[in-house]
């Protein structure tokens, strides 16, 4: 009976390049908007993007936010 010996895989090595630019940052800073909000205020988001960030910001700053899907998109309310 012949024993099959597995081949060693070649080690992966990264290719370093200097001709690729860094993409622009498309993140949104929610802090200025959220700081200005009073209880009962709301704003519209075209997508649900940022939901976790908004909720976490509220927890860290003693605020509470609710988000609901509406016909226009996602609406975020400050509730506390």
Protein backbone atom coordinates (compact mmCIF):
# COMPACT_ATOMS: atom_id res chain seq x y z
CA UNK A 1 0.00 0.00 0.00
CA UNK A 2 1.40 3.39 -1.00
CA UNK A 3 1.31 6.23 1.43
CA UNK A 4 0.22 9.59 -0.01
CA UNK A 5 2.26 12.46 1.35
CA UNK A 6 0.53 15.85 1.03
CA UNK A 7 2.51 18.58 -0.69
CA UNK A 8 3.43 21.67 1.25
CA UNK A 9 1.48 24.69 0.08
CA UNK A 10 3.49 27.63 -1.16
CA UNK A 11 3.58 30.48 1.31
CA UNK A 12 1.48 33.44 0.21
CA UNK A 13 3.40 36.66 -0.12
CA UNK A 14 1.70 40.04 -0.58
CA UNK A 15 2.51 42.19 -3.56
CA UNK A 16 3.41 45.71 -2.47
CA UNK A 17 2.22 48.48 -4.79
CA UNK A 18 2.60 52.24 -4.61
CA UNK A 19 0.38 53.31 -7.53
CA UNK A 20 -3.04 52.81 -5.89
CA UNK A 21 -4.61 55.89 -4.21
CA UNK A 22 -6.51 55.65 -0.92
CA UNK A 23 -10.29 55.89 -1.54
CA UNK A 24 -12.21 58.83 -0.09
CA UNK A 25 -13.90 58.29 3.26
CA UNK A 26 -17.67 58.04 2.70
CA UNK A 27 -18.56 57.79 6.39
CA UNK A 28 -21.05 60.18 7.89
CA UNK A 29 -20.49 61.86 11.24
CA UNK A 30 -23.80 61.61 13.06
CA UNK A 31 -22.66 63.44 16.21
CA UNK A 32 -23.50 67.05 15.13
CA UNK A 33 -27.03 66.08 14.08
CA UNK A 34 -27.71 63.89 17.11
CA UNK A 35 -26.41 66.52 19.57
CA UNK A 36 -28.89 69.11 18.23
CA UNK A 37 -31.91 66.82 18.49
CA UNK A 38 -34.53 67.30 21.19
CA UNK A 39 -36.98 64.64 22.35
CA UNK A 40 -39.62 64.23 19.62
CA UNK A 41 -37.33 65.42 16.77
CA UNK A 42 -36.74 63.11 13.82
CA UNK A 43 -34.79 62.97 10.57
CA UNK A 44 -35.00 60.87 7.42
CA UNK A 45 -32.34 58.47 6.19
CA UNK A 46 -32.54 57.22 2.60
CA UNK A 47 -31.26 53.80 3.77
CA UNK A 48 -30.94 52.03 7.11
CA UNK A 49 -27.23 52.78 7.04
CA UNK A 50 -25.87 54.08 10.34
CA UNK A 51 -28.54 52.49 12.55
CA UNK A 52 -26.07 50.80 14.93
CA UNK A 53 -23.89 53.90 15.11
CA UNK A 54 -26.86 56.10 16.02
CA UNK A 55 -28.14 53.68 18.68
CA UNK A 56 -24.65 53.33 20.22
CA UNK A 57 -24.15 57.11 20.23
CA UNK A 58 -27.40 57.47 22.15
CA UNK A 59 -26.35 54.89 24.74
CA UNK A 60 -23.00 56.62 25.25
CA UNK A 61 -24.61 60.06 25.68
CA UNK A 62 -27.75 59.22 27.68
CA UNK A 63 -30.11 59.52 24.71
CA UNK A 64 -32.48 57.00 23.16
CA UNK A 65 -33.36 56.76 19.47
CA UNK A 66 -35.93 54.70 17.56
CA UNK A 67 -35.81 53.95 13.85
CA UNK A 68 -38.73 52.88 11.69
CA UNK A 69 -39.19 52.20 8.00
CA UNK A 70 -41.56 54.71 6.37
CA UNK A 71 -42.68 55.31 2.78
CA UNK A 72 -39.91 57.91 2.34
CA UNK A 73 -37.11 55.76 3.81
CA UNK A 74 -35.93 55.17 7.38
CA UNK A 75 -36.88 57.74 10.00
CA UNK A 76 -34.97 58.18 13.25
CA UNK A 77 -36.64 59.75 16.30
CA UNK A 78 -35.09 60.87 19.57
CA UNK A 79 -37.37 59.42 22.24
CA UNK A 80 -35.39 60.16 25.45
